[in-house]
Amino acid sequence: MALSILPIKPRLLIFAVVACCCVLPLQAEYPSWEVISSGSSSERVSLTPAGEGFATLRAALDSLAEPRRLSAIRIDRTPAYRAVQSELYPYLEQHHRETLEAALASSGNLHNPKMRALGGPFREAVLATSYVESVNELLAGYGLEVVGLSFEKLLLDRRQQPPSFFAVIWLNIEPCPEGSCTGSEP
């Protein structure tokens, strides 16, 4: 079927395809956890939300033969990300108002310089959430802690109130220095 006989304009069709392929997967949630590792004893382990796997983050951690090899936990596709999302805008509004307002006035896409400037404050805001705090408490029982985060593809959707942020987010995990972890036992 030629594009010219479709009932919608080609540009709109291209936009719809891009939206379905790019934006919707960012919003998909997976209710379970998957352990990612090549099996090499020298490689680090990551946990990522998956369609099938362990029902809880604790169960995924318990499945690890060597939990201290864990290097990252992906959080953007978890049901808990809604709670993270609800804390981001208020935090940024309180602590980085000018940077946030500049990003809100921009196109909101990942290539915009105003969005790049929001990267550091966004990282700070995610790390300040109660979800990351609860993950840190859980990890402490395994001798681990969240030491930072990395993200990619930061987007800002102003159509929602408050505006929403979308990014692929990995919490960076490292073993605690000996004796410095505090938290509950697994």
N, C-alpha and C. Protein backbone atom coordinates (compact mmCIF):
# COMPACT_ATOMS: atom_id res chain seq x y z
N MET A 1 0.85 -1.18 0.00
CA MET A 1 0.00 0.00 0.00
C MET A 1 0.90 1.24 0.00
N ALA A 2 0.68 2.13 -0.91
CA ALA A 2 1.48 3.34 -1.01
C ALA A 2 1.09 4.32 0.09
N LEU A 3 2.07 5.09 0.53
CA LEU A 3 1.80 6.08 1.58
C LEU A 3 0.77 7.11 1.15
N SER A 4 0.72 7.42 -0.13
CA SER A 4 -0.18 8.48 -0.59
C SER A 4 -1.65 8.11 -0.44
N ILE A 5 -1.99 6.83 -0.36
CA ILE A 5 -3.40 6.48 -0.23
C ILE A 5 -3.82 6.22 1.22
N LEU A 6 -2.88 6.31 2.14
CA LEU A 6 -3.24 6.17 3.54
C LEU A 6 -4.08 7.36 3.98
N PRO A 7 -5.00 7.17 4.91
CA PRO A 7 -5.87 8.27 5.34
C PRO A 7 -5.16 9.32 6.19
N ILE A 8 -3.91 9.08 6.58
CA ILE A 8 -3.19 10.08 7.35
C ILE A 8 -1.96 10.53 6.60
N LYS A 9 -1.46 11.68 6.96
CA LYS A 9 -0.28 12.23 6.29
C LYS A 9 0.95 11.42 6.66
N PRO A 10 1.92 11.27 5.73
CA PRO A 10 3.13 10.49 6.01
C PRO A 10 3.89 10.98 7.24
N ARG A 11 3.98 12.29 7.45
CA ARG A 11 4.70 12.80 8.63
C ARG A 11 4.05 12.33 9.92
N LEU A 12 2.71 12.34 9.93
CA LEU A 12 1.99 11.88 11.11
C LEU A 12 2.21 10.38 11.32
N LEU A 13 2.24 9.62 10.24
CA LEU A 13 2.50 8.19 10.32
C LEU A 13 3.89 7.93 10.90
N ILE A 14 4.88 8.66 10.43
CA ILE A 14 6.24 8.51 10.93
C ILE A 14 6.29 8.85 12.41
N PHE A 15 5.62 9.93 12.81
CA PHE A 15 5.57 10.32 14.22
C PHE A 15 4.93 9.21 15.05
N ALA A 16 3.84 8.63 14.55
CA ALA A 16 3.14 7.58 15.29
C ALA A 16 4.03 6.35 15.47
N VAL A 17 4.76 5.99 14.42
CA VAL A 17 5.67 4.84 14.51
C VAL A 17 6.78 5.11 15.52
N VAL A 18 7.37 6.30 15.46
CA VAL A 18 8.43 6.66 16.40
C VAL A 18 7.89 6.66 17.82
N ALA A 19 6.70 7.21 18.03
CA ALA A 19 6.11 7.24 19.37
C ALA A 19 5.87 5.83 19.90
N CYS A 20 5.37 4.94 19.06
CA CYS A 20 5.11 3.57 19.51
C CYS A 20 6.41 2.82 19.79
N CYS A 21 7.42 3.05 18.98
CA CYS A 21 8.68 2.31 19.14
C CYS A 21 9.58 2.90 20.21
N CYS A 22 9.50 4.18 20.42
CA CYS A 22 10.45 4.83 21.34
C CYS A 22 9.85 5.20 22.68
N VAL A 23 8.69 5.80 22.70
CA VAL A 23 8.14 6.31 23.95
C VAL A 23 7.43 5.21 24.74
N LEU A 24 6.61 4.41 24.09
CA LEU A 24 5.87 3.40 24.82
C LEU A 24 6.76 2.40 25.54
N PRO A 25 7.87 1.92 24.93
CA PRO A 25 8.72 1.02 25.70
C PRO A 25 9.31 1.67 26.95
N LEU A 26 9.49 2.98 26.94
CA LEU A 26 10.00 3.66 28.12
C LEU A 26 8.98 3.61 29.25
N GLN A 27 7.71 3.53 28.90
CA GLN A 27 6.67 3.55 29.90
C GLN A 27 6.25 2.15 30.36
N ALA A 28 6.70 1.12 29.66
CA ALA A 28 6.32 -0.24 30.01
C ALA A 28 6.87 -0.61 31.38
N GLU A 29 6.09 -1.35 32.14
CA GLU A 29 6.52 -1.78 33.46
C GLU A 29 6.61 -3.29 33.50
N TYR A 30 7.60 -3.78 34.19
CA TYR A 30 7.77 -5.21 34.36
C TYR A 30 7.71 -5.53 35.84
N PRO A 31 6.88 -6.48 36.22
CA PRO A 31 6.67 -6.75 37.64
C PRO A 31 7.70 -7.67 38.29
N SER A 32 8.69 -8.13 37.56
CA SER A 32 9.65 -9.04 38.16
C SER A 32 11.08 -8.65 37.79
N TRP A 33 12.05 -9.34 38.39
CA TRP A 33 13.46 -8.98 38.25
C TRP A 33 14.23 -10.10 37.58
N GLU A 34 15.18 -9.73 36.73
CA GLU A 34 16.02 -10.68 36.03
C GLU A 34 17.48 -10.39 36.36
N VAL A 35 18.26 -11.44 36.58
CA VAL A 35 19.69 -11.31 36.84
C VAL A 35 20.40 -11.38 35.50
N ILE A 36 21.25 -10.39 35.21
CA ILE A 36 22.00 -10.34 33.96
C ILE A 36 23.47 -10.58 34.27
N SER A 37 24.04 -11.66 33.70
CA SER A 37 25.45 -11.95 33.88
C SER A 37 25.88 -12.90 32.77
N SER A 38 27.13 -12.76 32.34
CA SER A 38 27.62 -13.66 31.30
C SER A 38 28.13 -14.96 31.90
N GLY A 39 28.17 -15.04 33.23
CA GLY A 39 28.66 -16.24 33.88
C GLY A 39 30.15 -16.21 34.18
N SER A 40 30.84 -15.23 33.65
CA SER A 40 32.27 -15.10 33.90
C SER A 40 32.48 -14.67 35.35
N SER A 41 33.43 -15.28 36.03
CA SER A 41 33.65 -14.95 37.43
C SER A 41 34.16 -13.52 37.61
N SER A 42 34.74 -12.96 36.57
CA SER A 42 35.26 -11.60 36.70
C SER A 42 34.23 -10.54 36.32
N GLU A 43 33.13 -10.95 35.68
CA GLU A 43 32.14 -9.96 35.25
C GLU A 43 31.18 -9.63 36.38
N ARG A 44 30.75 -8.38 36.40
CA ARG A 44 29.80 -7.93 37.40
C ARG A 44 28.39 -8.36 37.01
N VAL A 45 27.48 -8.34 37.96
CA VAL A 45 26.10 -8.77 37.76
C VAL A 45 25.20 -7.54 37.79
N SER A 46 24.16 -7.54 36.97
CA SER A 46 23.17 -6.48 36.98
C SER A 46 21.79 -7.08 37.19
N LEU A 47 20.91 -6.31 37.77
CA LEU A 47 19.51 -6.70 37.90
C LEU A 47 18.69 -5.74 37.07
N THR A 48 17.76 -6.26 36.30
CA THR A 48 16.92 -5.42 35.47
C THR A 48 15.49 -5.94 35.54
N PRO A 49 14.51 -5.06 35.49
CA PRO A 49 13.12 -5.52 35.45
C PRO A 49 12.90 -6.37 34.21
N ALA A 50 12.11 -7.42 34.34
CA ALA A 50 11.88 -8.34 33.22
C ALA A 50 10.45 -8.84 33.25
N GLY A 51 10.00 -9.34 32.12
CA GLY A 51 8.67 -9.91 32.03
C GLY A 51 8.52 -11.16 32.89
N GLU A 52 9.59 -11.94 33.00
CA GLU A 52 9.59 -13.14 33.83
C GLU A 52 10.84 -13.10 34.69
N GLY A 53 10.75 -13.66 35.87
CA GLY A 53 11.92 -13.66 36.75
C GLY A 53 11.50 -13.71 38.19
N PHE A 54 12.25 -13.04 39.03
CA PHE A 54 11.99 -13.05 40.47
C PHE A 54 10.94 -12.00 40.82
N ALA A 55 10.03 -12.36 41.72
CA ALA A 55 8.91 -11.49 42.06
C ALA A 55 9.34 -10.23 42.79
N THR A 56 10.43 -10.31 43.55
CA THR A 56 10.87 -9.14 44.32
C THR A 56 12.36 -8.92 44.11
N LEU A 57 12.78 -7.71 44.38
CA LEU A 57 14.20 -7.40 44.31
C LEU A 57 14.96 -8.25 45.33
N ARG A 58 14.40 -8.45 46.51
CA ARG A 58 15.04 -9.28 47.53
C ARG A 58 15.24 -10.70 47.02
N ALA A 59 14.23 -11.27 46.36
CA ALA A 59 14.35 -12.63 45.82
C ALA A 59 15.45 -12.70 44.77
N ALA A 60 15.55 -11.68 43.94
CA ALA A 60 16.62 -11.65 42.93
C ALA A 60 17.98 -11.57 43.60
N LEU A 61 18.09 -10.75 44.63
CA LEU A 61 19.35 -10.64 45.37
C LEU A 61 19.69 -11.97 46.05
N ASP A 62 18.68 -12.63 46.62
CA ASP A 62 18.90 -13.91 47.28
C ASP A 62 19.37 -14.99 46.30
N SER A 63 19.03 -14.84 45.03
CA SER A 63 19.40 -15.85 44.03
C SER A 63 20.87 -15.74 43.61
N LEU A 64 21.49 -14.62 43.93
CA LEU A 64 22.87 -14.41 43.50
C LEU A 64 23.84 -15.25 44.33
N ALA A 65 24.69 -16.01 43.66
CA ALA A 65 25.69 -16.81 44.36
C ALA A 65 26.67 -15.89 45.09
N GLU A 66 26.99 -14.78 44.47
CA GLU A 66 27.91 -13.79 45.06
C GLU A 66 27.28 -12.40 44.95
N PRO A 67 26.41 -12.04 45.88
CA PRO A 67 25.74 -10.74 45.79
C PRO A 67 26.71 -9.55 45.68
N ARG A 68 27.91 -9.69 46.22
CA ARG A 68 28.84 -8.56 46.18
C ARG A 68 29.38 -8.29 44.78
N ARG A 69 29.04 -9.15 43.81
CA ARG A 69 29.40 -8.89 42.41
C ARG A 69 28.38 -7.98 41.74
N LEU A 70 27.26 -7.70 42.40
CA LEU A 70 26.23 -6.84 41.82
C LEU A 70 26.80 -5.46 41.53
N SER A 71 26.58 -4.96 40.32
CA SER A 71 27.11 -3.65 39.97
C SER A 71 26.04 -2.65 39.60
N ALA A 72 24.83 -3.11 39.26
CA ALA A 72 23.80 -2.15 38.83
C ALA A 72 22.41 -2.74 38.99
N ILE A 73 21.46 -1.85 39.23
CA ILE A 73 20.05 -2.21 39.28
C ILE A 73 19.31 -1.19 38.42
N ARG A 74 18.59 -1.67 37.43
CA ARG A 74 17.80 -0.78 36.58
C ARG A 74 16.45 -0.53 37.23
N ILE A 75 16.05 0.75 37.32
CA ILE A 75 14.81 1.06 38.05
C ILE A 75 13.71 1.69 37.21
N ASP A 76 14.00 2.11 35.98
CA ASP A 76 13.00 2.90 35.25
C ASP A 76 11.80 2.11 34.78
N ARG A 77 11.85 0.80 34.71
CA ARG A 77 10.72 0.02 34.23
C ARG A 77 10.02 -0.73 35.35
N THR A 78 10.26 -0.34 36.57
CA THR A 78 9.64 -1.00 37.71
C THR A 78 8.34 -0.29 38.10
N PRO A 79 7.40 -1.00 38.68
CA PRO A 79 6.19 -0.33 39.18
C PRO A 79 6.53 0.77 40.19
N ALA A 80 7.62 0.61 40.93
CA ALA A 80 8.02 1.62 41.92
C ALA A 80 8.47 2.92 41.27
N TYR A 81 8.73 2.91 39.96
CA TYR A 81 9.19 4.14 39.31
C TYR A 81 8.12 5.24 39.36
N ARG A 82 6.86 4.85 39.49
CA ARG A 82 5.81 5.88 39.66
C ARG A 82 6.06 6.71 40.92
N ALA A 83 6.46 6.03 41.98
CA ALA A 83 6.77 6.73 43.23
C ALA A 83 7.99 7.61 43.04
N VAL A 84 9.00 7.10 42.35
CA VAL A 84 10.19 7.91 42.05
C VAL A 84 9.77 9.15 41.26
N GLN A 85 8.96 8.92 40.24
CA GLN A 85 8.49 10.01 39.38
C GLN A 85 7.77 11.09 40.19
N SER A 86 6.99 10.68 41.17
CA SER A 86 6.22 11.65 41.95
C SER A 86 7.11 12.53 42.82
N GLU A 87 8.35 12.09 43.08
CA GLU A 87 9.26 12.87 43.91
C GLU A 87 10.22 13.75 43.09
N LEU A 88 10.38 13.47 41.81
CA LEU A 88 11.37 14.18 41.01
C LEU A 88 11.04 15.65 40.80
N TYR A 89 9.84 15.93 40.29
CA TYR A 89 9.49 17.32 39.99
C TYR A 89 9.53 18.20 41.24
N PRO A 90 8.91 17.80 42.34
CA PRO A 90 8.99 18.64 43.55
C PRO A 90 10.42 18.89 44.01
N TYR A 91 11.26 17.87 43.95
CA TYR A 91 12.66 18.04 44.36
C TYR A 91 13.36 19.06 43.46
N LEU A 92 13.20 18.88 42.16
CA LEU A 92 13.87 19.79 41.22
C LEU A 92 13.32 21.21 41.35
N GLU A 93 12.02 21.34 41.57
CA GLU A 93 11.41 22.65 41.74
C GLU A 93 11.96 23.35 42.99
N GLN A 94 12.19 22.59 44.04
CA GLN A 94 12.70 23.16 45.28
C GLN A 94 14.19 23.47 45.22
N HIS A 95 14.99 22.58 44.63
CA HIS A 95 16.44 22.70 44.69
C HIS A 95 17.12 23.24 43.42
N HIS A 96 16.44 23.15 42.29
CA HIS A 96 17.05 23.55 41.00
C HIS A 96 16.02 24.23 40.11
N ARG A 97 15.29 25.18 40.67
CA ARG A 97 14.18 25.82 39.97
C ARG A 97 14.58 26.43 38.63
N GLU A 98 15.67 27.17 38.57
CA GLU A 98 16.06 27.84 37.32
C GLU A 98 16.40 26.84 36.22
N THR A 99 17.13 25.81 36.57
CA THR A 99 17.51 24.78 35.59
C THR A 99 16.26 24.05 35.11
N LEU A 100 15.35 23.74 36.03
CA LEU A 100 14.10 23.08 35.68
C LEU A 100 13.26 23.96 34.76
N GLU A 101 13.11 25.24 35.09
CA GLU A 101 12.31 26.14 34.26
C GLU A 101 12.90 26.28 32.86
N ALA A 102 14.22 26.31 32.75
CA ALA A 102 14.86 26.39 31.43
C ALA A 102 14.55 25.12 30.64
N ALA A 103 14.59 23.97 31.30
CA ALA A 103 14.28 22.71 30.61
C ALA A 103 12.81 22.66 30.20
N LEU A 104 11.93 23.17 31.06
CA LEU A 104 10.50 23.19 30.74
C LEU A 104 10.21 24.09 29.54
N ALA A 105 10.99 25.15 29.39
CA ALA A 105 10.80 26.07 28.26
C ALA A 105 11.43 25.53 26.98
N SER A 106 12.22 24.47 27.08
CA SER A 106 12.89 23.89 25.92
C SER A 106 11.98 22.85 25.26
N SER A 107 12.51 22.21 24.24
CA SER A 107 11.75 21.16 23.56
C SER A 107 11.58 19.92 24.43
N GLY A 108 12.42 19.75 25.44
CA GLY A 108 12.30 18.61 26.34
C GLY A 108 12.92 17.33 25.81
N ASN A 109 13.61 17.42 24.66
CA ASN A 109 14.21 16.19 24.14
C ASN A 109 15.65 16.04 24.61
N LEU A 110 16.18 14.86 24.48
CA LEU A 110 17.48 14.54 25.04
C LEU A 110 18.64 15.30 24.43
N HIS A 111 18.47 15.87 23.23
CA HIS A 111 19.57 16.57 22.57
C HIS A 111 19.60 18.07 22.90
N ASN A 112 18.59 18.55 23.57
CA ASN A 112 18.50 19.97 23.88
C ASN A 112 19.50 20.33 24.98
N PRO A 113 20.28 21.40 24.80
CA PRO A 113 21.26 21.79 25.82
C PRO A 113 20.64 22.06 27.20
N LYS A 114 19.41 22.52 27.23
CA LYS A 114 18.75 22.77 28.52
C LYS A 114 18.44 21.46 29.24
N MET A 115 18.17 20.42 28.47
CA MET A 115 17.94 19.10 29.08
C MET A 115 19.26 18.51 29.55
N ARG A 116 20.32 18.73 28.79
CA ARG A 116 21.63 18.24 29.23
C ARG A 116 22.03 18.90 30.54
N ALA A 117 21.71 20.19 30.67
CA ALA A 117 22.03 20.92 31.90
C ALA A 117 21.24 20.37 33.09
N LEU A 118 20.10 19.75 32.82
CA LEU A 118 19.27 19.19 33.88
C LEU A 118 19.80 17.82 34.35
N GLY A 119 20.76 17.27 33.63
CA GLY A 119 21.28 15.93 33.95
C GLY A 119 21.79 15.77 35.37
N GLY A 120 22.64 16.67 35.81
CA GLY A 120 23.18 16.59 37.18
C GLY A 120 22.09 16.71 38.23
N PRO A 121 21.23 17.72 38.13
CA PRO A 121 20.13 17.83 39.09
C PRO A 121 19.18 16.63 39.05
N PHE A 122 18.93 16.09 37.85
CA PHE A 122 18.08 14.90 37.73
C PHE A 122 18.71 13.72 38.49
N ARG A 123 19.99 13.53 38.32
CA ARG A 123 20.71 12.46 39.03
C ARG A 123 20.56 12.66 40.54
N GLU A 124 20.77 13.88 41.00
CA GLU A 124 20.65 14.20 42.42
C GLU A 124 19.23 13.93 42.93
N ALA A 125 18.23 14.30 42.13
CA ALA A 125 16.83 14.11 42.52
C ALA A 125 16.47 12.63 42.64
N VAL A 126 16.92 11.81 41.70
CA VAL A 126 16.62 10.38 41.76
C VAL A 126 17.27 9.77 43.01
N LEU A 127 18.52 10.14 43.26
CA LEU A 127 19.23 9.58 44.42
C LEU A 127 18.60 10.01 45.74
N ALA A 128 17.86 11.12 45.74
CA ALA A 128 17.23 11.62 46.96
C ALA A 128 15.86 11.01 47.21
N THR A 129 15.37 10.15 46.32
CA THR A 129 14.02 9.60 46.47
C THR A 129 13.95 8.56 47.58
N SER A 130 12.75 8.38 48.09
CA SER A 130 12.54 7.38 49.14
C SER A 130 12.74 5.97 48.59
N TYR A 131 12.48 5.75 47.29
CA TYR A 131 12.70 4.44 46.70
C TYR A 131 14.18 4.06 46.74
N VAL A 132 15.04 4.98 46.35
CA VAL A 132 16.47 4.69 46.38
C VAL A 132 16.91 4.47 47.82
N GLU A 133 16.35 5.21 48.74
CA GLU A 133 16.65 5.00 50.16
C GLU A 133 16.25 3.58 50.59
N SER A 134 15.08 3.12 50.15
CA SER A 134 14.64 1.77 50.53
C SER A 134 15.51 0.69 49.87
N VAL A 135 15.94 0.93 48.63
CA VAL A 135 16.85 -0.01 47.96
C VAL A 135 18.17 -0.08 48.73
N ASN A 136 18.65 1.08 49.15
CA ASN A 136 19.89 1.13 49.91
C ASN A 136 19.77 0.36 51.23
N GLU A 137 18.64 0.49 51.89
CA GLU A 137 18.42 -0.26 53.14
C GLU A 137 18.43 -1.76 52.88
N LEU A 138 17.80 -2.19 51.79
CA LEU A 138 17.79 -3.61 51.44
C LEU A 138 19.20 -4.09 51.10
N LEU A 139 19.92 -3.32 50.29
CA LEU A 139 21.27 -3.70 49.87
C LEU A 139 22.24 -3.81 51.04
N ALA A 140 22.03 -2.99 52.07
CA ALA A 140 22.94 -3.00 53.22
C ALA A 140 23.03 -4.38 53.85
N GLY A 141 21.93 -5.12 53.84
CA GLY A 141 21.93 -6.46 54.38
C GLY A 141 22.80 -7.44 53.58
N TYR A 142 23.17 -7.04 52.38
CA TYR A 142 24.02 -7.87 51.52
C TYR A 142 25.45 -7.30 51.44
N GLY A 143 25.71 -6.25 52.26
CA GLY A 143 27.02 -5.62 52.23
C GLY A 143 27.23 -4.73 51.02
N LEU A 144 26.13 -4.18 50.48
CA LEU A 144 26.17 -3.35 49.27
C LEU A 144 25.53 -2.00 49.52
N GLU A 145 25.82 -1.06 48.64
CA GLU A 145 25.19 0.26 48.73
C GLU A 145 25.11 0.90 47.36
N VAL A 146 24.15 1.82 47.21
CA VAL A 146 24.03 2.62 46.00
C VAL A 146 25.09 3.71 46.10
N VAL A 147 25.94 3.82 45.07
CA VAL A 147 27.02 4.82 45.10
C VAL A 147 26.82 5.90 44.04
N GLY A 148 25.80 5.77 43.24
CA GLY A 148 25.54 6.76 42.19
C GLY A 148 24.53 6.19 41.22
N LEU A 149 24.37 6.88 40.11
CA LEU A 149 23.49 6.35 39.08
C LEU A 149 23.96 6.84 37.73
N SER A 150 23.59 6.08 36.74
CA SER A 150 23.83 6.50 35.36
C SER A 150 22.49 6.45 34.65
N PHE A 151 22.34 7.29 33.68
CA PHE A 151 21.09 7.31 32.93
C PHE A 151 21.40 7.71 31.50
N GLU A 152 20.43 7.44 30.64
CA GLU A 152 20.53 7.86 29.25
C GLU A 152 19.14 8.20 28.75
N LYS A 153 19.11 8.98 27.69
CA LYS A 153 17.87 9.34 27.01
C LYS A 153 16.89 10.09 27.91
N LEU A 154 17.35 11.09 28.63
CA LEU A 154 16.48 11.89 29.50
C LEU A 154 15.54 12.74 28.65
N LEU A 155 14.26 12.54 28.86
CA LEU A 155 13.21 13.29 28.17
C LEU A 155 12.29 13.92 29.20
N LEU A 156 11.64 15.00 28.81
CA LEU A 156 10.71 15.70 29.68
C LEU A 156 9.37 15.81 28.96
N ASP A 157 8.32 15.32 29.58
CA ASP A 157 6.97 15.38 29.01
C ASP A 157 6.18 16.42 29.78
N ARG A 158 5.94 17.56 29.14
CA ARG A 158 5.21 18.66 29.79
C ARG A 158 3.70 18.50 29.69
N ARG A 159 3.21 17.49 28.98
CA ARG A 159 1.76 17.33 28.81
C ARG A 159 1.10 16.88 30.10
N GLN A 160 1.85 16.27 31.00
CA GLN A 160 1.30 15.81 32.26
C GLN A 160 1.55 16.86 33.34
N GLN A 161 0.73 16.86 34.36
CA GLN A 161 0.93 17.77 35.48
C GLN A 161 1.08 16.97 36.76
N PRO A 162 2.17 17.08 37.46
CA PRO A 162 3.37 17.81 37.06
C PRO A 162 4.06 17.10 35.89
N PRO A 163 4.94 17.80 35.20
CA PRO A 163 5.66 17.18 34.08
C PRO A 163 6.38 15.90 34.51
N SER A 164 6.52 14.97 33.57
CA SER A 164 7.16 13.68 33.85
C SER A 164 8.51 13.59 33.16
N PHE A 165 9.38 12.82 33.77
CA PHE A 165 10.71 12.58 33.22
C PHE A 165 10.80 11.12 32.80
N PHE A 166 11.45 10.89 31.67
CA PHE A 166 11.66 9.53 31.20
C PHE A 166 13.15 9.37 30.91
N ALA A 167 13.71 8.28 31.39
CA ALA A 167 15.12 7.97 31.14
C ALA A 167 15.34 6.51 31.48
N VAL A 168 16.36 5.93 30.89
CA VAL A 168 16.82 4.60 31.28
C VAL A 168 17.76 4.85 32.46
N ILE A 169 17.42 4.30 33.63
CA ILE A 169 18.14 4.63 34.86
C ILE A 169 18.72 3.37 35.51
N TRP A 170 20.01 3.42 35.76
CA TRP A 170 20.71 2.34 36.46
C TRP A 170 21.29 2.89 37.76
N LEU A 171 20.96 2.25 38.88
CA LEU A 171 21.62 2.58 40.14
C LEU A 171 22.96 1.84 40.15
N ASN A 172 24.03 2.55 40.41
CA ASN A 172 25.36 1.94 40.48
C ASN A 172 25.58 1.41 41.89
N ILE A 173 25.96 0.14 41.98
CA ILE A 173 26.07 -0.57 43.24
C ILE A 173 27.52 -1.00 43.48
N GLU A 174 27.97 -0.85 44.72
CA GLU A 174 29.31 -1.33 45.10
C GLU A 174 29.24 -1.92 46.50
N PRO A 175 30.20 -2.79 46.82
CA PRO A 175 30.27 -3.28 48.20
C PRO A 175 30.55 -2.11 49.16
N CYS A 176 29.95 -2.17 50.33
CA CYS A 176 30.22 -1.16 51.35
C CYS A 176 31.64 -1.35 51.87
N PRO A 177 32.30 -0.26 52.24
CA PRO A 177 33.56 -0.44 52.96
C PRO A 177 33.27 -1.25 54.22
N GLU A 178 34.17 -2.11 54.59
CA GLU A 178 33.97 -3.04 55.70
C GLU A 178 33.35 -2.36 56.92
N GLY A 179 32.21 -2.90 57.37
CA GLY A 179 31.58 -2.42 58.58
C GLY A 179 30.78 -1.14 58.45
N SER A 180 30.68 -0.58 57.25
CA SER A 180 29.98 0.72 57.14
C SER A 180 28.54 0.60 56.68
N CYS A 181 28.07 -0.57 56.28
CA CYS A 181 26.67 -0.73 55.85
C CYS A 181 25.75 -0.73 57.06
N THR A 182 24.65 -0.04 56.92
CA THR A 182 23.62 -0.11 57.94
C THR A 182 22.32 -0.44 57.23
N GLY A 183 21.54 -1.30 57.79
CA GLY A 183 20.28 -1.70 57.17
C GLY A 183 19.84 -3.03 57.70
N SER A 184 18.72 -3.52 57.16
CA SER A 184 18.17 -4.77 57.64
C SER A 184 18.88 -5.96 57.00
N GLU A 185 18.87 -7.05 57.73
CA GLU A 185 19.44 -8.29 57.20
C GLU A 185 18.49 -8.84 56.14
N PRO A 186 19.02 -9.55 55.13
CA PRO A 186 18.13 -10.11 54.11
C PRO A 186 17.24 -11.21 54.64
